[in-house]
Protein backbone atom coordinates (compact mmCIF):
# COMPACT_ATOMS: atom_id res chain seq x y z
CA MET A 1 18.58 38.80 106.80
CA PHE A 2 20.32 35.25 106.36
CA ASN A 3 18.14 32.12 106.58
CA ILE A 4 20.51 30.63 109.22
CA SER A 5 18.90 27.12 109.31
CA LYS A 6 19.12 26.79 105.76
CA ILE A 7 23.25 27.91 105.78
CA LYS A 8 23.79 25.42 108.78
CA ASN A 9 22.37 22.78 106.23
CA ASP A 10 25.10 23.75 104.40
CA PHE A 11 27.81 22.88 106.83
CA PRO A 12 28.29 19.06 107.67
CA ILE A 13 29.34 19.50 111.08
CA PHE A 14 26.30 20.55 112.43
CA LYS A 15 24.70 17.27 111.60
CA TYR A 16 27.63 15.42 113.63
CA HIS A 17 27.12 18.16 116.56
CA ARG A 18 23.61 19.38 116.51
CA GLN A 19 24.19 21.66 119.70
CA LEU A 20 27.22 23.30 118.21
CA THR A 21 27.89 27.04 119.08
CA TYR A 22 30.96 27.59 117.16
CA LEU A 23 32.40 31.11 118.06
CA ASP A 24 36.11 30.56 116.63
CA SER A 25 35.91 31.73 112.99
CA ALA A 26 38.53 34.26 113.56
CA ALA A 27 40.73 31.38 113.66
CA MET A 28 38.98 28.66 111.46
CA SER A 29 36.35 28.86 109.49
CA LEU A 30 33.87 25.69 109.31
CA LYS A 31 33.58 24.48 105.94
CA PRO A 32 30.45 24.09 103.69
CA LYS A 33 29.86 21.00 101.83
CA VAL A 34 30.53 22.19 98.49
CA VAL A 35 33.78 22.86 99.46
CA ILE A 36 34.28 19.47 101.18
CA GLU A 37 33.23 17.84 98.12
CA ALA A 38 35.28 19.90 95.69
CA GLU A 39 38.62 18.45 97.34
CA ASP A 40 36.92 14.90 97.49
CA ASN A 41 36.19 15.20 93.87
CA TYR A 42 40.00 15.88 92.67
CA TYR A 43 40.90 12.95 94.67
CA LYS A 44 38.13 10.67 93.69
CA LYS A 45 38.13 11.88 89.91
CA TYR A 46 41.26 13.40 88.83
CA SER A 47 44.02 12.85 91.28
CA ALA A 48 47.19 13.92 89.44
CA ASN A 49 49.86 16.26 89.39
CA ILE A 50 49.42 19.74 87.71
CA HIS A 51 51.35 21.33 84.85
CA ARG A 52 54.29 18.60 83.90
CA GLY A 53 51.80 15.62 82.87
CA ILE A 54 50.57 15.48 79.29
CA TYR A 55 47.40 13.16 79.90
CA ARG A 56 43.63 13.81 80.59
CA LEU A 57 43.65 13.50 84.19
CA SER A 58 46.67 16.28 84.66
CA GLU A 59 45.07 18.59 82.23
CA LYS A 60 42.20 18.55 84.16
CA ALA A 61 43.75 19.09 87.51
CA THR A 62 45.88 21.89 86.03
CA GLU A 63 42.69 23.57 84.49
CA GLU A 64 40.95 23.38 87.94
CA TYR A 65 44.03 24.61 89.71
CA GLU A 66 44.80 27.43 87.49
CA ASN A 67 40.81 28.54 87.22
CA VAL A 68 41.23 29.05 91.18
CA ARG A 69 43.67 31.34 90.38
CA ARG A 70 41.84 33.59 87.65
CA LYS A 71 38.84 33.43 90.06
CA ILE A 72 40.57 35.06 92.91
CA ALA A 73 41.74 37.51 91.06
CA GLN A 74 38.27 38.53 90.23
CA PHE A 75 37.25 38.10 93.38
CA ILE A 76 40.09 40.91 95.01
CA ASN A 77 39.86 42.78 91.75
CA ALA A 78 43.61 42.19 90.72
CA ASP A 79 44.93 42.99 87.39
CA SER A 80 45.90 39.67 86.49
CA GLU A 81 45.98 36.11 87.30
CA LYS A 82 49.74 36.44 87.47
CA GLU A 83 49.55 38.65 90.71
CA ILE A 84 48.10 35.65 92.53
CA VAL A 85 50.49 33.70 94.33
CA PHE A 86 49.59 30.32 96.36
CA VAL A 87 51.01 29.63 99.37
CA ARG A 88 49.82 27.67 103.12
CA ASN A 89 48.52 30.78 104.69
CA THR A 90 48.86 34.29 105.60
CA THR A 91 52.12 33.63 107.77
CA GLU A 92 54.12 32.27 104.72
CA ALA A 93 52.65 34.91 102.46
CA ILE A 94 54.30 37.84 104.49
CA ASN A 95 57.46 35.88 105.10
CA LEU A 96 57.94 35.36 101.04
CA VAL A 97 57.93 39.18 101.28
CA ALA A 98 60.04 39.95 104.13
CA TYR A 99 62.79 37.52 102.43
CA ALA A 100 62.43 37.97 98.76
CA LEU A 101 62.00 41.72 98.79
CA GLY A 102 62.97 42.88 102.27
CA ARG A 103 66.12 41.26 102.85
CA VAL A 104 67.22 42.62 99.31
CA ASN A 105 65.88 46.37 99.65
CA LEU A 106 66.87 46.96 103.21
CA GLU A 107 69.86 48.16 104.78
CA LYS A 108 71.02 49.32 108.12
CA GLY A 109 69.39 52.73 109.25
CA ASP A 110 66.29 51.88 106.87
CA GLU A 111 62.87 51.99 108.60
CA ILE A 112 60.34 49.52 108.85
CA VAL A 113 56.54 50.42 110.53
CA THR A 114 54.02 48.19 111.55
CA THR A 115 51.31 48.59 114.46
CA ILE A 116 50.80 47.28 117.97
CA MET A 117 47.88 45.43 117.06
CA GLU A 118 49.66 43.22 114.31
CA HIS A 119 48.85 39.34 114.46
CA HIS A 120 52.38 37.65 114.99
CA SER A 121 52.39 36.88 111.24
CA ASN A 122 52.65 40.49 110.11
CA PHE A 123 55.08 41.56 113.51
CA VAL A 124 57.75 38.89 113.95
CA PRO A 125 58.83 38.61 110.25
CA TRP A 126 59.64 42.62 110.06
CA GLN A 127 60.93 42.66 113.84
CA ALA A 128 63.35 39.64 112.57
CA LEU A 129 64.27 41.57 109.61
CA SER A 130 65.06 44.84 111.44
CA ASN A 131 67.28 42.84 113.51
CA GLU A 132 69.25 41.04 110.78
CA VAL A 133 69.85 43.95 108.75
CA GLY A 134 70.12 46.76 111.48
CA ALA A 135 67.02 48.59 110.26
CA ILE A 136 64.86 50.40 112.57
CA PHE A 137 61.45 49.23 113.59
CA LYS A 138 58.68 51.18 114.60
CA VAL A 139 55.24 50.65 115.95
CA ILE A 140 52.33 52.50 115.87
CA ASP A 141 50.15 52.58 119.35
CA ILE A 142 46.48 52.44 119.94
CA THR A 143 44.15 54.63 121.85
CA ASP A 144 42.44 53.00 125.09
CA ASP A 145 39.28 52.30 122.92
CA GLY A 146 41.14 50.41 120.42
CA TYR A 147 41.84 52.54 117.27
CA LEU A 148 45.17 53.10 116.00
CA ASN A 149 46.53 56.00 117.46
CA LEU A 150 46.77 58.40 114.52
CA ASP A 151 47.15 61.65 117.03
CA ALA A 152 49.83 60.11 119.02
CA TYR A 153 52.29 62.46 117.48
CA LYS A 154 50.64 65.53 117.06
CA PRO A 155 50.39 68.22 119.52
CA LYS A 156 49.07 67.71 122.80
CA THR A 157 46.57 70.49 122.01
CA GLN A 158 44.55 67.49 119.78
CA ASN A 159 42.01 64.95 121.23
CA PRO A 160 43.85 61.66 121.79
CA LYS A 161 40.51 59.93 121.37
CA SER A 162 39.31 61.76 117.88
CA LYS A 163 37.89 59.70 115.55
CA ILE A 164 40.04 58.28 112.44
CA THR A 165 39.76 60.37 109.33
CA THR A 166 41.55 61.31 106.17
CA LYS A 167 41.79 64.78 108.29
CA ASN A 168 44.11 63.25 111.20
CA LEU A 169 46.58 61.01 109.21
CA ASN A 170 49.24 64.01 109.53
CA PHE A 171 51.04 61.71 112.05
CA LEU A 172 52.69 60.01 109.41
CA GLU A 173 54.80 62.84 108.71
CA SER A 174 56.25 62.29 111.98
CA ILE A 175 56.77 58.15 111.98
CA ILE A 176 57.04 57.84 108.31
CA THR A 177 60.22 58.83 106.51
CA LYS A 178 62.18 58.98 102.97
CA LYS A 179 64.04 56.21 105.04
CA THR A 180 60.77 54.21 105.78
CA LYS A 181 61.03 51.09 103.47
CA ILE A 182 58.08 48.90 104.73
CA LEU A 183 54.95 49.73 105.94
CA ALA A 184 53.20 46.41 107.53
CA LEU A 185 49.65 47.03 108.74
CA THR A 186 46.51 44.61 109.17
CA TYR A 187 43.24 45.30 107.93
CA VAL A 188 41.27 44.06 110.78
CA SER A 189 42.54 43.33 114.24
CA ASN A 190 42.14 39.54 115.24
CA VAL A 191 41.78 40.89 118.78
CA LEU A 192 39.95 44.06 119.16
CA GLY A 193 37.93 43.74 115.79
CA THR A 194 39.32 47.35 114.67
CA ILE A 195 38.53 48.01 110.95
CA ASN A 196 41.59 50.02 109.97
CA PRO A 197 41.33 52.83 107.54
CA VAL A 198 44.15 51.48 105.46
CA LYS A 199 43.15 52.81 102.15
CA GLU A 200 43.58 56.42 104.02
CA ILE A 201 46.75 55.35 105.48
CA ILE A 202 48.17 54.00 102.38
CA GLU A 203 47.60 56.97 100.35
CA THR A 204 49.06 59.12 102.77
CA ALA A 205 51.85 57.19 103.16
CA LYS A 206 52.94 57.04 99.69
CA LYS A 207 52.53 60.97 99.38
CA ILE A 208 55.21 60.86 102.27
CA ASN A 209 57.37 58.25 100.53
CA PRO A 210 56.42 57.39 97.05
CA ARG A 211 58.84 54.48 97.20
CA ILE A 212 57.66 52.65 100.27
CA ILE A 213 56.34 49.24 100.23
CA THR A 214 52.85 48.65 101.65
CA VAL A 215 51.90 45.08 103.18
CA VAL A 216 48.47 44.41 104.28
CA ASP A 217 47.40 41.51 106.31
CA GLY A 218 43.78 40.70 105.27
CA ALA A 219 43.26 37.47 106.68
CA GLN A 220 40.44 38.67 108.83
CA ALA A 221 38.77 41.28 106.32
CA ILE A 222 38.78 39.16 103.16
CA PRO A 223 35.99 36.44 104.75
CA HIS A 224 33.52 39.32 105.41
CA TYR A 225 33.50 42.01 103.07
CA LYS A 226 34.67 42.88 99.59
CA ILE A 227 38.12 44.17 99.05
CA HIS A 228 39.37 45.28 95.49
CA VAL A 229 43.44 45.57 95.87
CA LYS A 230 43.64 48.35 92.96
CA ASP A 231 40.83 50.84 95.31
CA LEU A 232 43.09 49.75 98.23
CA GLY A 233 46.21 50.80 96.83
CA CYS A 234 48.58 48.31 98.66
CA ASP A 235 51.70 46.90 97.24
CA PHE A 236 50.76 43.21 98.82
CA LEU A 237 47.72 41.74 100.24
CA ALA A 238 48.03 38.20 102.21
CA PHE A 239 45.35 35.93 103.48
CA SER A 240 44.45 32.78 104.71
CA GLY A 241 41.89 29.89 102.75
CA GLN A 242 40.72 28.67 106.36
CA LYS A 243 39.59 31.65 107.53
CA MET A 244 37.46 32.08 104.60
CA LEU A 245 35.41 28.61 104.56
CA GLY A 246 38.26 27.16 102.48
CA PRO A 247 40.69 24.20 103.40
CA THR A 248 43.76 24.55 105.61
CA GLY A 249 46.87 25.16 103.77
CA ALA A 250 45.69 27.18 101.21
CA GLY A 251 46.65 30.96 101.25
CA VAL A 252 47.20 33.37 99.01
CA LEU A 253 49.71 36.35 98.35
CA TRP A 254 48.55 39.18 96.30
CA GLY A 255 51.46 41.35 94.73
CA ARG A 256 51.87 44.02 92.15
CA LYS A 257 52.99 42.68 89.19
CA GLU A 258 56.06 44.63 88.56
CA LEU A 259 57.14 44.01 92.08
CA LEU A 260 56.88 40.19 91.86
CA THR A 261 58.80 40.18 88.61
CA GLN A 262 61.59 41.95 90.35
CA MET A 263 61.69 39.65 93.21
CA SER A 264 63.80 36.79 93.39
CA PRO A 265 62.16 33.11 94.64
CA PHE A 266 61.41 32.49 97.80
CA LEU A 267 62.28 28.53 97.54
CA PHE A 268 64.26 26.58 94.72
CA GLY A 269 63.57 23.21 93.68
CA GLY A 270 61.06 21.73 91.37
CA GLU A 271 58.35 23.71 89.24
CA MET A 272 59.69 26.96 89.73
CA ILE A 273 62.00 26.71 86.86
CA SER A 274 61.93 26.99 83.56
CA GLU A 275 65.48 25.82 82.37
CA VAL A 276 68.65 24.47 84.36
CA TYR A 277 72.18 23.77 83.60
CA LEU A 278 75.03 22.60 85.72
CA ASN A 279 76.31 26.16 85.95
CA ARG A 280 72.84 28.38 86.14
CA THR A 281 69.14 28.47 86.25
CA ILE A 282 66.50 30.35 84.47
CA PHE A 283 63.47 30.70 87.15
CA ALA A 284 60.09 30.73 85.70
CA GLN A 285 57.78 33.46 85.19
CA ILE A 286 55.65 35.06 87.87
CA PRO A 287 53.63 33.37 89.65
CA HIS A 288 55.31 30.28 89.25
CA LYS A 289 58.63 30.93 90.20
CA PHE A 290 57.36 31.36 93.89
CA GLU A 291 55.28 28.02 93.93
CA ALA A 292 58.43 25.37 94.31
CA GLY A 293 57.41 21.88 94.45
CA THR A 294 54.10 20.20 94.22
CA PRO A 295 51.29 22.31 95.91
CA HIS A 296 48.07 21.90 98.07
CA ILE A 297 46.14 21.21 94.69
CA ALA A 298 43.00 19.82 96.37
CA GLY A 299 42.97 22.75 98.83
CA VAL A 300 43.42 25.41 96.17
CA ILE A 301 40.54 23.35 94.42
CA GLY A 302 38.59 23.66 97.81
CA LEU A 303 39.47 27.07 97.99
CA GLY A 304 38.01 28.00 94.84
CA ALA A 305 34.32 26.35 95.84
CA ALA A 306 34.97 28.47 98.84
CA VAL A 307 35.30 31.82 96.63
CA ASP A 308 31.96 30.77 94.82
CA TYR A 309 30.07 30.24 98.20
CA LEU A 310 30.82 33.60 99.28
CA THR A 311 30.27 35.43 96.10
CA GLN A 312 26.83 33.73 95.37
CA LEU A 313 25.84 34.51 98.94
CA GLY A 314 27.09 38.05 98.82
CA LEU A 315 29.67 39.61 101.24
CA ASP A 316 27.66 42.68 101.88
CA LYS A 317 25.08 40.57 103.34
CA VAL A 318 27.63 38.36 105.41
CA ARG A 319 28.69 41.92 106.68
CA ASP A 320 25.14 43.25 107.47
CA HIS A 321 24.52 39.89 109.32
CA GLU A 322 27.84 40.16 111.32
CA LYS A 323 27.54 43.55 112.48
CA ASP A 324 24.00 42.71 113.80
CA LEU A 325 25.26 39.89 115.67
CA THR A 326 28.20 41.96 117.26
CA ALA A 327 26.03 44.91 118.13
CA TYR A 328 23.76 42.35 119.85
CA ALA A 329 26.67 40.61 121.67
CA LEU A 330 28.23 43.85 122.85
CA LEU A 331 25.00 44.75 124.40
CA LYS A 332 24.35 41.58 126.29
CA LEU A 333 27.89 41.15 127.61
CA ALA A 334 27.53 45.05 128.59
CA GLU A 335 24.80 44.02 130.75
CA LEU A 336 27.04 41.68 132.91
CA LYS A 337 29.09 42.80 135.61
CA ASP A 338 33.00 42.45 135.89
CA VAL A 339 33.12 42.08 132.30
CA THR A 340 35.97 43.76 130.40
CA ILE A 341 35.75 44.48 126.68
CA TYR A 342 38.13 45.27 124.43
CA GLY A 343 38.31 47.58 121.21
CA PRO A 344 35.97 50.07 119.70
CA LYS A 345 32.32 50.66 120.35
CA GLU A 346 31.48 51.56 117.07
CA ILE A 347 29.60 48.92 115.23
CA ASP A 348 30.93 50.56 111.74
CA ARG A 349 34.32 50.06 112.90
CA ARG A 350 34.40 46.96 114.30
CA ALA A 351 34.48 43.50 112.44
CA GLY A 352 32.60 40.28 113.87
CA VAL A 353 34.91 39.64 117.19
CA VAL A 354 34.11 40.48 120.39
CA THR A 355 37.39 39.89 122.79
CA PHE A 356 36.70 40.17 126.70
CA ASN A 357 37.80 39.29 130.15
CA LEU A 358 35.63 38.35 133.16
CA LYS A 359 37.07 39.42 136.30
CA GLY A 360 38.80 37.25 138.67
CA VAL A 361 38.64 34.41 136.14
CA HIS A 362 41.38 33.19 133.89
CA PRO A 363 40.15 33.23 130.13
CA HIS A 364 41.29 29.33 129.95
CA ASP A 365 38.98 28.68 132.57
CA VAL A 366 36.15 30.87 130.79
CA ALA A 367 36.61 28.63 127.72
CA ALA A 368 36.83 25.55 129.37
CA VAL A 369 33.40 26.35 131.38
CA LEU A 370 31.84 27.30 127.89
CA ASP A 371 33.15 24.15 126.07
CA GLU A 372 30.95 21.98 128.57
CA GLU A 373 27.94 24.02 127.22
CA ASN A 374 28.96 23.45 123.44
CA VAL A 375 30.24 26.91 123.27
CA CYS A 376 33.71 26.88 121.46
CA LEU A 377 35.69 30.09 121.92
CA ARG A 378 39.37 30.91 121.62
CA SER A 379 41.43 31.71 125.15
CA GLY A 380 44.81 33.38 125.53
CA HIS A 381 46.91 35.82 123.43
CA HIS A 382 45.66 35.10 120.12
CA CYS A 383 49.35 35.02 118.56
CA ALA A 384 49.20 38.77 119.62
CA MET A 385 51.07 39.20 122.69
CA PRO A 386 52.46 42.75 122.05
CA LEU A 387 48.89 43.59 121.81
CA HIS A 388 48.16 42.15 125.37
CA GLU A 389 50.95 43.69 127.14
CA ARG A 390 49.90 46.98 125.49
CA LEU A 391 46.22 46.04 127.08
CA GLY A 392 48.03 45.25 130.52
CA ILE A 393 46.63 41.41 130.05
CA ASP A 394 48.20 38.26 129.54
CA ALA A 395 45.18 36.72 128.09
CA SER A 396 41.58 37.36 126.97
CA VAL A 397 38.61 35.02 125.61
CA ARG A 398 37.95 35.75 122.28
CA ALA A 399 34.17 35.10 120.48
CA SER A 400 34.08 35.74 116.58
CA PHE A 401 31.11 35.55 114.76
CA TYR A 402 30.63 34.35 111.01
CA LEU A 403 27.83 33.67 108.72
CA TYR A 404 26.51 30.59 110.24
CA ASN A 405 25.85 32.09 113.77
CA SER A 406 23.01 33.73 115.10
CA LYS A 407 21.76 35.66 117.93
CA GLU A 408 20.77 32.06 119.68
CA ASP A 409 24.22 31.70 119.50
CA VAL A 410 24.93 34.72 121.37
CA ASP A 411 22.33 33.88 124.09
CA LYS A 412 24.50 30.50 124.79
CA LEU A 413 27.40 32.82 125.02
CA ILE A 414 25.96 34.67 127.80
CA ASN A 415 24.07 31.67 129.78
CA GLY A 416 27.67 30.10 129.61
CA LEU A 417 29.18 33.19 131.46
CA LEU A 418 26.42 33.45 133.92
CA LYS A 419 27.64 29.80 134.80
CA VAL A 420 31.21 30.42 134.94
CA LYS A 421 30.43 33.48 137.26
CA LYS A 422 28.48 30.95 139.67
CA ILE A 423 31.15 28.40 139.55
CA PHE A 424 33.76 30.98 140.53
CA LYS A 425 32.00 33.42 142.62
């Protein structure tokens, strides 16, 4: 078990807000002091641009920056640091793939498949691309209990609420065809908390169409448990630093080397070139051809410190801690009257996200009252409007847990909800 008091001491924000109960890590995690210090050290001790400077400060900055690329490659078990592209966030990473690969490879009549539970970052770019090129946009539905509806395309004799296993993935044969060029899916729903069987889905999809490109949104997965991209079998994986204890504005796109090599640059200008002439330009090799202009150097260095912190702590321990908290939160919420909880009931299939609604009270009002109790929650559609429409609601309240949370935080949440019920009864 975690020593929560010791862990909280690593996060300076708790010294400024001693009564803080932070339950919004799915939007952005808090930052440990080692991450803050890593950024601070860059600005104080070797603040210089990278790659171009032939002087010690620049060489130091370049070394630290590129060391993070190697560190992240090891963190996700990539073949090479050349497969690691630094971007601002998951949104930019997915847009990079949509622009640099999708717009070249797709044409009218081709198919893009995604799911109803996607964050807008992995939904809107593909929807826009399909509209632009005339592709067919297919969306996989969910069951009422929050799983991908992998029985939706089977005969009606099948159980519509059966558990997701490799045995009931045959639905892909009716939704994925030889014309399906892109399969984009989230590893973990940022609303339902559902952990999808991504590896099994990708394996089945590639058997149906070996040429299909698979793009995984790993933003809600990477901070919480170990992911090996080679074992996962995807072609691209995108994630954001700010959700895994790192700074804002520093994210990662991992892509298979052969695909990144084939792709054209996303942005043009400085840093991403090898040679420029009046009538032609030779682009830099991967990954640098996708990193135009001066990057967020301090942010990437801070992200490296976050990776070190999580590695030392152990992602297995993080996952076990969150499962314990989530189970406790679901139990306590179920004891309250007039509370609707969304997402799977199986803890092994659910991440540390609990989304719910209180009957007769708008989610914004719930969050406002909880804020008076120093409890930070997210309310709204959580950048997942199609999913909320599918659930038949306009908005919801989301509590998301991370390594610095405790059962006492859950108790404060429940006590705050009791106050809400008294105010709005």
